[in-house]
Amino acid sequence: MTGPSPMGGPPELVAFGEAMIAFVADPAGPLHEASQFSAHVAGAESNVAIGVARLGHRVSFAGRVGDDAFGSMIVRRLRAEGVATGHLVRDSEAPTGLLFRNLREFPPPEVIYRRQGSAGSRLAPDDVHAALEGLPPGTVVHVSGVTPALSESCRAALVVLAETTQARELPVFVDVNYRARLWRRDVAAPVLRSLVASASIVTASRPEAALLTGEDNPADAAAALIALGPRVAVIRDEALGAVARTRSGQAPIIVSSQAVRRVADTVGAGDAFNAGLVASLLEGQSLPDAMAIGHLCGAAVVGVVGDVEGLPTHQEVNAPADDIRR
């Protein structure tokens, strides 16, 4: 297994999105019964940024947080994880986004957002221009389908991102990440298809892939996503693990998920998978090996409460990954 690139130099991955503070109820149970909460840095793209940085890669996070205590918590955590924040704007005119959720295996966790009008929703085209300026060809740019759901400004920013990355030969890694609490399916689907069309790599859950393609079978859905433009499409499926297709038209790649001994918190597992996948591809690993590392990262994160607290390091995934491939 090739090790990660040494630190220093331009980022290997730039993630755009909204980082928030998640207040997680304790003890587990219905949210309306919660008596206390713990605070955690959260957000799909910032989760991926931290995950890739822990795996030893140079990462930058771009977006907006409020010029408030919660924004300071996010900046401090990202910097502590080795994520560059030079393009994370401190917005004095809007607050940092918040969410409240509980811990519960069944039914799924309850989530309450306090992110309308947040600093993160004010991502603008100028923010994108600034963060992409001077990046060398090959730098991976990561976005998710959460961002265009937040505001018209965010949608405009992602249009600029798609145009700029194509012109500068910057590969785009898109996680579909549909959130029903943020926008309706009929509104989201065409916007997300357009976002996928700008991608080099796309990941999605099985229901998200079905939303965009009308295909429930993961292999067929992955092929339909490839037809929109990406080179690689990976579908996360609870029953199969992960199913991938590539533009070459070869047979689908299926990699089983990693066994999990203890589940403390399922939120963030998909982001952890994405971090392991893209970090491994940055190292030149094969797609099946990258998917296996993604599964390891997902299994690690669900054992700990919080989106990022359980994300593994490169050293932690190295030995078990080698064992899996033998």
C-alpha atoms as a PDB file:
ATOM      1  CA  MET A   1       0.000   0.000   0.000  1.00  0.00           C
ATOM      2  CA  THR A   2       1.458   3.335  -1.030  1.00  0.00           C
ATOM      3  CA  GLY A   3       1.710   5.770   1.865  1.00  0.00           C
ATOM      4  CA  PRO A   4       0.216   9.243   1.844  1.00  0.00           C
ATOM      5  CA  SER A   5       2.003  12.213   0.354  1.00  0.00           C
ATOM      6  CA  PRO A   6       4.243  14.211   2.722  1.00  0.00           C
ATOM      7  CA  MET A   7       2.702  17.318   4.253  1.00  0.00           C
ATOM      8  CA  GLY A   8       3.433  20.697   2.744  1.00  0.00           C
ATOM      9  CA  GLY A   9       2.591  22.118  -0.656  1.00  0.00           C
ATOM     10  CA  PRO A  10      -0.815  22.704  -2.227  1.00  0.00           C
ATOM     11  CA  PRO A  11      -3.838  20.703  -1.090  1.00  0.00           C
ATOM     12  CA  GLU A  12      -4.597  17.385  -2.686  1.00  0.00           C
ATOM     13  CA  LEU A  13      -8.277  17.861  -1.922  1.00  0.00           C
ATOM     14  CA  VAL A  14     -10.398  20.992  -1.460  1.00  0.00           C
ATOM     15  CA  ALA A  15     -13.827  20.480   0.125  1.00  0.00           C
ATOM     16  CA  PHE A  16     -16.627  23.057  -0.199  1.00  0.00           C
ATOM     17  CA  GLY A  17     -19.643  23.032   2.096  1.00  0.00           C
ATOM     18  CA  GLU A  18     -21.249  23.980   5.383  1.00  0.00           C
ATOM     19  CA  ALA A  19     -19.609  22.941   8.633  1.00  0.00           C
ATOM     20  CA  MET A  20     -21.948  23.081  11.612  1.00  0.00           C
ATOM     21  CA  ILE A  21     -22.150  22.275  15.280  1.00  0.00           C
ATOM     22  CA  ALA A  22     -24.224  19.185  16.069  1.00  0.00           C
ATOM     23  CA  PHE A  23     -25.746  18.884  19.511  1.00  0.00           C
ATOM     24  CA  VAL A  24     -26.205  15.171  20.190  1.00  0.00           C
ATOM     25  CA  ALA A  25     -28.688  14.161  22.875  1.00  0.00           C
ATOM     26  CA  ASP A  26     -27.609  12.045  25.824  1.00  0.00           C
ATOM     27  CA  PRO A  27     -28.843   9.548  26.837  1.00  0.00           C
ATOM     28  CA  ALA A  28     -30.189   7.724  23.785  1.00  0.00           C
ATOM     29  CA  GLY A  29     -33.910   7.917  23.182  1.00  0.00           C
ATOM     30  CA  PRO A  30     -36.564  10.268  21.766  1.00  0.00           C
ATOM     31  CA  LEU A  31     -35.282  13.782  21.204  1.00  0.00           C
ATOM     32  CA  HIS A  32     -38.062  15.335  23.266  1.00  0.00           C
ATOM     33  CA  GLU A  33     -36.843  13.316  26.273  1.00  0.00           C
ATOM     34  CA  ALA A  34     -33.250  14.593  26.051  1.00  0.00           C
ATOM     35  CA  SER A  35     -31.828  16.060  29.243  1.00  0.00           C
ATOM     36  CA  GLN A  36     -28.401  17.070  27.992  1.00  0.00           C
ATOM     37  CA  PHE A  37     -26.392  17.404  24.771  1.00  0.00           C
ATOM     38  CA  SER A  38     -22.764  17.084  23.683  1.00  0.00           C
ATOM     39  CA  ALA A  39     -21.391  19.422  20.986  1.00  0.00           C
ATOM     40  CA  HIS A  40     -19.600  18.064  17.910  1.00  0.00           C
ATOM     41  CA  VAL A  41     -18.260  19.542  14.668  1.00  0.00           C
ATOM     42  CA  ALA A  42     -20.343  18.139  11.814  1.00  0.00           C
ATOM     43  CA  GLY A  43     -21.230  18.602   8.159  1.00  0.00           C
ATOM     44  CA  ALA A  44     -20.845  16.196   5.235  1.00  0.00           C
ATOM     45  CA  GLU A  45     -17.991  17.964   3.470  1.00  0.00           C
ATOM     46  CA  SER A  46     -16.065  18.908   6.606  1.00  0.00           C
ATOM     47  CA  ASN A  47     -16.403  15.288   7.768  1.00  0.00           C
ATOM     48  CA  VAL A  48     -14.774  14.144   4.525  1.00  0.00           C
ATOM     49  CA  ALA A  49     -12.085  16.827   4.836  1.00  0.00           C
ATOM     50  CA  ILE A  50     -11.149  15.670   8.336  1.00  0.00           C
ATOM     51  CA  GLY A  51     -11.280  12.015   7.298  1.00  0.00           C
ATOM     52  CA  VAL A  52      -8.923  12.523   4.352  1.00  0.00           C
ATOM     53  CA  ALA A  53      -6.561  14.626   6.493  1.00  0.00           C
ATOM     54  CA  ARG A  54      -6.421  11.895   9.150  1.00  0.00           C
ATOM     55  CA  LEU A  55      -5.454   9.485   6.416  1.00  0.00           C
ATOM     56  CA  GLY A  56      -2.383  11.620   5.796  1.00  0.00           C
ATOM     57  CA  HIS A  57      -3.306  13.937   2.929  1.00  0.00           C
ATOM     58  CA  ARG A  58      -3.165  17.670   2.406  1.00  0.00           C
ATOM     59  CA  VAL A  59      -6.687  19.067   2.638  1.00  0.00           C
ATOM     60  CA  SER A  60      -8.323  22.484   2.541  1.00  0.00           C
ATOM     61  CA  PHE A  61     -11.884  23.326   3.579  1.00  0.00           C
ATOM     62  CA  ALA A  62     -13.693  26.266   1.974  1.00  0.00           C
ATOM     63  CA  GLY A  63     -16.994  27.840   2.914  1.00  0.00           C
ATOM     64  CA  ARG A  64     -18.427  30.158   5.554  1.00  0.00           C
ATOM     65  CA  VAL A  65     -19.018  29.979   9.296  1.00  0.00           C
ATOM     66  CA  GLY A  66     -20.318  32.672  11.612  1.00  0.00           C
ATOM     67  CA  ASP A  67     -18.010  35.043  13.402  1.00  0.00           C
ATOM     68  CA  ASP A  68     -19.233  33.527  16.668  1.00  0.00           C
ATOM     69  CA  ALA A  69     -18.202  30.970  19.272  1.00  0.00           C
ATOM     70  CA  PHE A  70     -19.506  28.059  17.204  1.00  0.00           C
ATOM     71  CA  GLY A  71     -17.551  29.248  14.176  1.00  0.00           C
ATOM     72  CA  SER A  72     -14.449  29.374  16.368  1.00  0.00           C
ATOM     73  CA  MET A  73     -15.073  25.782  17.492  1.00  0.00           C
ATOM     74  CA  ILE A  74     -15.173  24.659  13.869  1.00  0.00           C
ATOM     75  CA  VAL A  75     -12.042  26.544  12.839  1.00  0.00           C
ATOM     76  CA  ARG A  76     -10.109  25.259  15.845  1.00  0.00           C
ATOM     77  CA  ARG A  77     -11.152  21.658  15.198  1.00  0.00           C
ATOM     78  CA  LEU A  78     -10.313  21.767  11.499  1.00  0.00           C
ATOM     79  CA  ARG A  79      -6.906  23.267  12.172  1.00  0.00           C
ATOM     80  CA  ALA A  80      -6.227  20.730  14.910  1.00  0.00           C
ATOM     81  CA  GLU A  81      -6.933  17.985  12.360  1.00  0.00           C
ATOM     82  CA  GLY A  82      -4.483  19.499   9.895  1.00  0.00           C
ATOM     83  CA  VAL A  83      -7.128  20.907   7.544  1.00  0.00           C
ATOM     84  CA  ALA A  84      -6.221  24.288   6.022  1.00  0.00           C
ATOM     85  CA  THR A  85      -8.815  27.007   6.659  1.00  0.00           C
ATOM     86  CA  GLY A  86      -7.420  29.912   4.634  1.00  0.00           C
ATOM     87  CA  HIS A  87     -10.601  29.952   2.522  1.00  0.00           C
ATOM     88  CA  LEU A  88     -13.063  29.423   5.374  1.00  0.00           C
ATOM     89  CA  VAL A  89     -14.684  32.848   5.667  1.00  0.00           C
ATOM     90  CA  ARG A  90     -15.773  34.176   9.089  1.00  0.00           C
ATOM     91  CA  ASP A  91     -19.081  35.855   8.238  1.00  0.00           C
ATOM     92  CA  SER A  92     -20.084  38.567  10.718  1.00  0.00           C
ATOM     93  CA  GLU A  93     -23.580  38.940   9.217  1.00  0.00           C
ATOM     94  CA  ALA A  94     -24.892  35.395   9.749  1.00  0.00           C
ATOM     95  CA  PRO A  95     -24.634  32.706  12.431  1.00  0.00           C
ATOM     96  CA  THR A  96     -22.979  29.318  12.276  1.00  0.00           C
ATOM     97  CA  GLY A  97     -25.460  26.577  11.415  1.00  0.00           C
ATOM     98  CA  LEU A  98     -26.630  24.190  14.131  1.00  0.00           C
ATOM     99  CA  LEU A  99     -28.392  20.865  14.297  1.00  0.00           C
ATOM    100  CA  PHE A 100     -29.838  18.833  17.121  1.00  0.00           C
ATOM    101  CA  ARG A 101     -30.185  15.052  16.966  1.00  0.00           C
ATOM    102  CA  ASN A 102     -30.616  12.011  19.123  1.00  0.00           C
ATOM    103  CA  LEU A 103     -29.016   8.578  19.327  1.00  0.00           C
ATOM    104  CA  ARG A 104     -31.332   5.800  18.269  1.00  0.00           C
ATOM    105  CA  GLU A 105     -30.844   2.676  16.176  1.00  0.00           C
ATOM    106  CA  PHE A 106     -34.551   2.364  15.333  1.00  0.00           C
ATOM    107  CA  PRO A 107     -36.283   4.402  14.147  1.00  0.00           C
ATOM    108  CA  PRO A 108     -33.615   6.562  12.439  1.00  0.00           C
ATOM    109  CA  PRO A 109     -32.242   9.525  14.420  1.00  0.00           C
ATOM    110  CA  GLU A 110     -34.459  12.574  14.762  1.00  0.00           C
ATOM    111  CA  VAL A 111     -32.810  15.743  13.437  1.00  0.00           C
ATOM    112  CA  ILE A 112     -33.751  19.391  13.925  1.00  0.00           C
ATOM    113  CA  TYR A 113     -31.882  21.963  11.799  1.00  0.00           C
ATOM    114  CA  ARG A 114     -31.165  25.554  12.706  1.00  0.00           C
ATOM    115  CA  ARG A 115     -29.375  26.468   9.491  1.00  0.00           C
ATOM    116  CA  GLN A 116     -31.763  28.673   7.486  1.00  0.00           C
ATOM    117  CA  GLY A 117     -29.943  31.937   6.811  1.00  0.00           C
ATOM    118  CA  SER A 118     -26.744  30.513   8.244  1.00  0.00           C
ATOM    119  CA  ALA A 119     -23.279  31.669   7.259  1.00  0.00           C
ATOM    120  CA  GLY A 120     -22.777  28.422   5.362  1.00  0.00           C
ATOM    121  CA  SER A 121     -25.841  29.113   3.229  1.00  0.00           C
ATOM    122  CA  ARG A 122     -24.180  32.331   2.052  1.00  0.00           C
ATOM    123  CA  LEU A 123     -21.476  30.557   0.044  1.00  0.00           C
ATOM    124  CA  ALA A 124     -21.014  32.685  -3.075  1.00  0.00           C
ATOM    125  CA  PRO A 125     -19.300  32.441  -6.484  1.00  0.00           C
ATOM    126  CA  ASP A 126     -16.494  34.726  -5.263  1.00  0.00           C
ATOM    127  CA  ASP A 127     -15.741  32.221  -2.478  1.00  0.00           C
ATOM    128  CA  VAL A 128     -15.346  29.500  -5.087  1.00  0.00           C
ATOM    129  CA  HIS A 129     -13.088  31.607  -7.305  1.00  0.00           C
ATOM    130  CA  ALA A 130     -10.830  32.431  -4.357  1.00  0.00           C
ATOM    131  CA  ALA A 131     -10.497  28.834  -3.143  1.00  0.00           C
ATOM    132  CA  LEU A 132      -9.798  27.383  -6.611  1.00  0.00           C
ATOM    133  CA  GLU A 133      -7.329  30.067  -7.653  1.00  0.00           C
ATOM    134  CA  GLY A 134      -3.878  28.656  -8.374  1.00  0.00           C
ATOM    135  CA  LEU A 135      -4.668  25.002  -7.697  1.00  0.00           C
ATOM    136  CA  PRO A 136      -2.572  22.645  -9.842  1.00  0.00           C
ATOM    137  CA  PRO A 137      -4.344  20.305 -12.290  1.00  0.00           C
ATOM    138  CA  GLY A 138      -5.338  17.072 -10.588  1.00  0.00           C
ATOM    139  CA  THR A 139      -6.386  18.633  -7.285  1.00  0.00           C
ATOM    140  CA  VAL A 140      -9.623  16.921  -6.245  1.00  0.00           C
ATOM    141  CA  VAL A 141     -12.556  19.199  -5.453  1.00  0.00           C
ATOM    142  CA  HIS A 142     -15.241  17.740  -3.178  1.00  0.00           C
ATOM    143  CA  VAL A 143     -18.862  18.881  -2.909  1.00  0.00           C
ATOM    144  CA  SER A 144     -22.134  17.262  -1.935  1.00  0.00           C
ATOM    145  CA  GLY A 145     -25.808  17.605  -2.750  1.00  0.00           C
ATOM    146  CA  VAL A 146     -26.407  19.284   0.602  1.00  0.00           C
ATOM    147  CA  THR A 147     -24.876  22.577  -0.552  1.00  0.00           C
ATOM    148  CA  PRO A 148     -27.246  23.413  -3.438  1.00  0.00           C
ATOM    149  CA  ALA A 149     -30.175  22.705  -1.111  1.00  0.00           C
ATOM    150  CA  LEU A 150     -29.186  25.579   1.186  1.00  0.00           C
ATOM    151  CA  SER A 151     -29.774  28.667  -0.992  1.00  0.00           C
ATOM    152  CA  GLU A 152     -29.776  30.193  -4.459  1.00  0.00           C
ATOM    153  CA  SER A 153     -26.362  31.663  -3.662  1.00  0.00           C
ATOM    154  CA  CYS A 154     -25.017  28.168  -3.014  1.00  0.00           C
ATOM    155  CA  ARG A 155     -26.476  26.895  -6.291  1.00  0.00           C
ATOM    156  CA  ALA A 156     -24.853  29.762  -8.179  1.00  0.00           C
ATOM    157  CA  ALA A 157     -21.544  29.001  -6.467  1.00  0.00           C
ATOM    158  CA  LEU A 158     -21.680  25.377  -7.597  1.00  0.00           C
ATOM    159  CA  VAL A 159     -22.383  26.411 -11.185  1.00  0.00           C
ATOM    160  CA  VAL A 160     -19.186  28.463 -11.072  1.00  0.00           C
ATOM    161  CA  LEU A 161     -17.391  25.533  -9.449  1.00  0.00           C
ATOM    162  CA  ALA A 162     -18.441  23.191 -12.262  1.00  0.00           C
ATOM    163  CA  GLU A 163     -17.319  25.637 -14.954  1.00  0.00           C
ATOM    164  CA  THR A 164     -14.014  26.445 -13.260  1.00  0.00           C
ATOM    165  CA  THR A 165     -13.019  22.874 -12.445  1.00  0.00           C
ATOM    166  CA  GLN A 166     -13.676  21.794 -16.013  1.00  0.00           C
ATOM    167  CA  ALA A 167     -11.607  24.655 -17.417  1.00  0.00           C
ATOM    168  CA  ARG A 168      -8.709  23.966 -15.031  1.00  0.00           C
ATOM    169  CA  GLU A 169      -8.762  20.165 -15.259  1.00  0.00           C
ATOM    170  CA  LEU A 170      -9.663  19.680 -11.612  1.00  0.00           C
ATOM    171  CA  PRO A 171     -11.487  16.398 -10.909  1.00  0.00           C
ATOM    172  CA  VAL A 172     -14.705  16.761  -8.923  1.00  0.00           C
ATOM    173  CA  PHE A 173     -15.848  14.243  -6.314  1.00  0.00           C
ATOM    174  CA  VAL A 174     -19.598  14.503  -5.684  1.00  0.00           C
ATOM    175  CA  ASP A 175     -21.613  12.815  -2.947  1.00  0.00           C
ATOM    176  CA  VAL A 176     -25.300  13.036  -3.919  1.00  0.00           C
ATOM    177  CA  ASN A 177     -26.324  13.319  -0.243  1.00  0.00           C
ATOM    178  CA  TYR A 178     -30.014  14.161  -0.736  1.00  0.00           C
ATOM    179  CA  ARG A 179     -31.637  15.616   2.399  1.00  0.00           C
ATOM    180  CA  ALA A 180     -35.446  15.519   2.369  1.00  0.00           C
ATOM    181  CA  ARG A 181     -35.604  18.011   5.248  1.00  0.00           C
ATOM    182  CA  LEU A 182     -33.929  20.639   3.064  1.00  0.00           C
ATOM    183  CA  TRP A 183     -35.791  20.343  -0.267  1.00  0.00           C
ATOM    184  CA  ARG A 184     -38.400  18.381  -2.158  1.00  0.00           C
ATOM    185  CA  ARG A 185     -37.500  15.457  -4.388  1.00  0.00           C
ATOM    186  CA  ASP A 186     -38.910  17.052  -7.544  1.00  0.00           C
ATOM    187  CA  VAL A 187     -36.860  20.208  -6.964  1.00  0.00           C
ATOM    188  CA  ALA A 188     -33.714  18.387  -5.942  1.00  0.00           C
ATOM    189  CA  ALA A 189     -33.511  15.738  -8.659  1.00  0.00           C
ATOM    190  CA  PRO A 190     -32.681  17.953 -11.692  1.00  0.00           C
ATOM    191  CA  VAL A 191     -30.219  20.048  -9.685  1.00  0.00           C
ATOM    192  CA  LEU A 192     -28.459  16.947  -8.398  1.00  0.00           C
ATOM    193  CA  ARG A 193     -28.326  15.396 -11.870  1.00  0.00           C
ATOM    194  CA  SER A 194     -26.605  18.542 -13.119  1.00  0.00           C
ATOM    195  CA  LEU A 195     -24.138  18.347 -10.224  1.00  0.00           C
ATOM    196  CA  VAL A 196     -23.405  14.699 -10.991  1.00  0.00           C
ATOM    197  CA  ALA A 197     -22.805  15.603 -14.654  1.00  0.00           C
ATOM    198  CA  SER A 198     -19.905  17.807 -13.515  1.00  0.00           C
ATOM    199  CA  ALA A 199     -18.293  15.011 -11.496  1.00  0.00           C
ATOM    200  CA  SER A 200     -15.395  12.705 -12.177  1.00  0.00           C
ATOM    201  CA  ILE A 201     -16.413  10.462  -9.265  1.00  0.00           C
ATOM    202  CA  VAL A 202     -19.865  10.215  -7.715  1.00  0.00           C
ATOM    203  CA  THR A 203     -21.089   8.338  -4.656  1.00  0.00           C
ATOM    204  CA  ALA A 204     -24.666   7.843  -3.526  1.00  0.00           C
ATOM    205  CA  SER A 205     -26.784   5.678  -1.296  1.00  0.00           C
ATOM    206  CA  ARG A 206     -29.106   3.241  -3.035  1.00  0.00           C
ATOM    207  CA  PRO A 207     -32.201   5.456  -2.470  1.00  0.00           C
ATOM    208  CA  GLU A 208     -30.319   8.551  -3.688  1.00  0.00           C
ATOM    209  CA  ALA A 209     -29.208   6.773  -6.834  1.00  0.00           C
ATOM    210  CA  ALA A 210     -32.793   5.646  -7.452  1.00  0.00           C
ATOM    211  CA  LEU A 211     -34.002   9.238  -7.065  1.00  0.00           C
ATOM    212  CA  LEU A 212     -31.719  10.394  -9.875  1.00  0.00           C
ATOM    213  CA  THR A 213     -31.941   7.403 -12.202  1.00  0.00           C
ATOM    214  CA  GLY A 214     -35.204   5.598 -11.502  1.00  0.00           C
ATOM    215  CA  GLU A 215     -33.161   2.401 -11.107  1.00  0.00           C
ATOM    216  CA  ASP A 216     -33.447   0.456  -7.836  1.00  0.00           C
ATOM    217  CA  ASN A 217     -30.835  -2.175  -8.704  1.00  0.00           C
ATOM    218  CA  PRO A 218     -27.469  -0.724  -7.563  1.00  0.00           C
ATOM    219  CA  ALA A 219     -25.501  -1.974 -10.567  1.00  0.00           C
ATOM    220  CA  ASP A 220     -28.054  -0.545 -12.999  1.00  0.00           C
ATOM    221  CA  ALA A 221     -28.233   2.717 -11.040  1.00  0.00           C
ATOM    222  CA  ALA A 222     -24.436   3.037 -11.121  1.00  0.00           C
ATOM    223  CA  ALA A 223     -24.464   2.541 -14.886  1.00  0.00           C
ATOM    224  CA  ALA A 224     -27.165   5.200 -15.229  1.00  0.00           C
ATOM    225  CA  LEU A 225     -25.092   7.644 -13.160  1.00  0.00           C
ATOM    226  CA  ILE A 226     -22.079   6.971 -15.401  1.00  0.00           C
ATOM    227  CA  ALA A 227     -24.253   7.883 -18.379  1.00  0.00           C
ATOM    228  CA  LEU A 228     -24.648  11.368 -16.876  1.00  0.00           C
ATOM    229  CA  GLY A 229     -20.900  12.019 -17.152  1.00  0.00           C
ATOM    230  CA  PRO A 230     -18.719  10.705 -14.283  1.00  0.00           C
ATOM    231  CA  ARG A 231     -15.863   8.236 -14.810  1.00  0.00           C
ATOM    232  CA  VAL A 232     -16.670   6.317 -11.606  1.00  0.00           C
ATOM    233  CA  ALA A 233     -19.955   5.794  -9.742  1.00  0.00           C
ATOM    234  CA  VAL A 234     -20.139   4.032  -6.374  1.00  0.00           C
ATOM    235  CA  ILE A 235     -23.449   3.070  -4.753  1.00  0.00           C
ATOM    236  CA  ARG A 236     -23.511   2.366  -1.008  1.00  0.00           C
ATOM    237  CA  ASP A 237     -25.974  -0.433  -0.267  1.00  0.00           C
ATOM    238  CA  GLU A 238     -26.737  -1.930   3.143  1.00  0.00           C
ATOM    239  CA  ALA A 239     -27.252  -5.414   1.730  1.00  0.00           C
ATOM    240  CA  LEU A 240     -24.339  -5.595  -0.721  1.00  0.00           C
ATOM    241  CA  GLY A 241     -21.809  -3.164   0.768  1.00  0.00           C
ATOM    242  CA  ALA A 242     -20.823  -1.030  -2.201  1.00  0.00           C
ATOM    243  CA  VAL A 243     -21.311  -1.442  -5.947  1.00  0.00           C
ATOM    244  CA  ALA A 244     -19.242   0.483  -8.490  1.00  0.00           C
ATOM    245  CA  ARG A 245     -19.231   1.023 -12.223  1.00  0.00           C
ATOM    246  CA  THR A 246     -16.664   2.768 -14.375  1.00  0.00           C
ATOM    247  CA  ARG A 247     -16.861   4.415 -17.760  1.00  0.00           C
ATOM    248  CA  SER A 248     -14.948   1.489 -19.283  1.00  0.00           C
ATOM    249  CA  GLY A 249     -18.177  -0.497 -19.200  1.00  0.00           C
ATOM    250  CA  GLN A 250     -16.723  -3.470 -17.358  1.00  0.00           C
ATOM    251  CA  ALA A 251     -18.786  -5.632 -14.989  1.00  0.00           C
ATOM    252  CA  PRO A 252     -19.887  -4.039 -11.723  1.00  0.00           C
ATOM    253  CA  ILE A 253     -17.421  -4.110  -8.834  1.00  0.00           C
ATOM    254  CA  ILE A 254     -18.941  -5.330  -5.563  1.00  0.00           C
ATOM    255  CA  VAL A 255     -17.077  -4.990  -2.258  1.00  0.00           C
ATOM    256  CA  SER A 256     -18.739  -6.263   0.906  1.00  0.00           C
ATOM    257  CA  SER A 257     -18.968  -4.021   3.951  1.00  0.00           C
ATOM    258  CA  GLN A 258     -16.808  -4.441   7.035  1.00  0.00           C
ATOM    259  CA  ALA A 259     -18.254  -6.285  10.017  1.00  0.00           C
ATOM    260  CA  VAL A 260     -19.038  -3.947  12.918  1.00  0.00           C
ATOM    261  CA  ARG A 261     -18.721  -5.133  16.508  1.00  0.00           C
ATOM    262  CA  ARG A 262     -20.405  -2.197  18.193  1.00  0.00           C
ATOM    263  CA  VAL A 263     -22.650   0.571  16.860  1.00  0.00           C
ATOM    264  CA  ALA A 264     -22.766   3.727  18.967  1.00  0.00           C
ATOM    265  CA  ASP A 265     -23.799   6.275  16.321  1.00  0.00           C
ATOM    266  CA  THR A 266     -24.534   5.621  12.643  1.00  0.00           C
ATOM    267  CA  VAL A 267     -24.388   9.268  11.537  1.00  0.00           C
ATOM    268  CA  GLY A 268     -21.271  10.038   9.500  1.00  0.00           C
ATOM    269  CA  ALA A 269     -20.688   6.517   8.195  1.00  0.00           C
ATOM    270  CA  GLY A 270     -21.248   7.520   4.566  1.00  0.00           C
ATOM    271  CA  ASP A 271     -18.890  10.478   4.903  1.00  0.00           C
ATOM    272  CA  ALA A 272     -16.257   8.191   6.432  1.00  0.00           C
ATOM    273  CA  PHE A 273     -16.660   5.794   3.496  1.00  0.00           C
ATOM    274  CA  ASN A 274     -16.174   8.702   1.100  1.00  0.00           C
ATOM    275  CA  ALA A 275     -13.048   9.844   2.939  1.00  0.00           C
ATOM    276  CA  GLY A 276     -11.468   6.404   2.784  1.00  0.00           C
ATOM    277  CA  LEU A 277     -12.424   6.001  -0.870  1.00  0.00           C
ATOM    278  CA  VAL A 278     -11.007   9.295  -2.105  1.00  0.00           C
ATOM    279  CA  ALA A 279      -7.884   9.137   0.083  1.00  0.00           C
ATOM    280  CA  SER A 280      -7.074   5.704  -1.302  1.00  0.00           C
ATOM    281  CA  LEU A 281      -7.640   6.827  -4.887  1.00  0.00           C
ATOM    282  CA  LEU A 282      -5.297   9.769  -4.240  1.00  0.00           C
ATOM    283  CA  GLU A 283      -2.668   7.184  -3.312  1.00  0.00           C
ATOM    284  CA  GLY A 284      -3.143   5.349  -6.601  1.00  0.00           C
ATOM    285  CA  GLN A 285      -4.920   2.324  -5.164  1.00  0.00           C
ATOM    286  CA  SER A 286      -7.339   0.279  -7.225  1.00  0.00           C
ATOM    287  CA  LEU A 287     -11.039   1.022  -7.005  1.00  0.00           C
ATOM    288  CA  PRO A 288     -11.861  -2.256  -5.157  1.00  0.00           C
ATOM    289  CA  ASP A 289      -9.115  -1.574  -2.597  1.00  0.00           C
ATOM    290  CA  ALA A 290     -10.317   2.011  -2.178  1.00  0.00           C
ATOM    291  CA  MET A 291     -13.857   0.751  -1.563  1.00  0.00           C
ATOM    292  CA  ALA A 292     -12.540  -1.680   1.059  1.00  0.00           C
ATOM    293  CA  ILE A 293     -10.750   1.159   2.863  1.00  0.00           C
ATOM    294  CA  GLY A 294     -13.967   3.164   2.692  1.00  0.00           C
ATOM    295  CA  HIS A 295     -15.795   0.347   4.442  1.00  0.00           C
ATOM    296  CA  LEU A 296     -13.110   0.203   7.143  1.00  0.00           C
ATOM    297  CA  CYS A 297     -13.479   3.930   7.774  1.00  0.00           C
ATOM    298  CA  GLY A 298     -17.260   3.639   7.950  1.00  0.00           C
ATOM    299  CA  ALA A 299     -17.012   0.757  10.421  1.00  0.00           C
ATOM    300  CA  ALA A 300     -14.616   2.758  12.592  1.00  0.00           C
ATOM    301  CA  VAL A 301     -16.771   5.870  12.772  1.00  0.00           C
ATOM    302  CA  VAL A 302     -20.002   4.144  13.863  1.00  0.00           C
ATOM    303  CA  GLY A 303     -18.350   2.855  17.020  1.00  0.00           C
ATOM    304  CA  VAL A 304     -18.021   6.354  18.469  1.00  0.00           C
ATOM    305  CA  VAL A 305     -20.579   9.128  19.089  1.00  0.00           C
ATOM    306  CA  GLY A 306     -20.081  12.062  16.706  1.00  0.00           C
ATOM    307  CA  ASP A 307     -19.535  12.466  12.984  1.00  0.00           C
ATOM    308  CA  VAL A 308     -15.723  12.583  13.032  1.00  0.00           C
ATOM    309  CA  GLU A 309     -14.500  11.365  16.402  1.00  0.00           C
ATOM    310  CA  GLY A 310     -14.070   7.768  15.227  1.00  0.00           C
ATOM    311  CA  LEU A 311     -12.406   8.524  11.881  1.00  0.00           C
ATOM    312  CA  PRO A 312      -9.229   6.395  11.633  1.00  0.00           C
ATOM    313  CA  THR A 313      -5.678   7.413  10.763  1.00  0.00           C
ATOM    314  CA  HIS A 314      -3.597   6.037   7.914  1.00  0.00           C
ATOM    315  CA  GLN A 315      -1.671   3.857  10.367  1.00  0.00           C
ATOM    316  CA  GLU A 316      -4.877   2.441  11.824  1.00  0.00           C
ATOM    317  CA  VAL A 317      -6.295   1.328   8.474  1.00  0.00           C
ATOM    318  CA  ASN A 318      -3.009   0.141   6.950  1.00  0.00           C
ATOM    319  CA  ALA A 319      -2.602  -3.279   8.574  1.00  0.00           C
ATOM    320  CA  PRO A 320      -6.257  -4.385   8.469  1.00  0.00           C
ATOM    321  CA  ALA A 321      -6.560  -3.238   4.868  1.00  0.00           C
ATOM    322  CA  ASP A 322      -3.584  -5.411   3.924  1.00  0.00           C
ATOM    323  CA  ASP A 323      -5.166  -8.357   5.714  1.00  0.00           C
ATOM    324  CA  ILE A 324      -8.440  -7.886   3.823  1.00  0.00           C
ATOM    325  CA  ARG A 325      -6.707  -7.887   0.441  1.00  0.00           C
ATOM    326  CA  ARG A 326      -4.791 -11.149   1.002  1.00  0.00           C
END
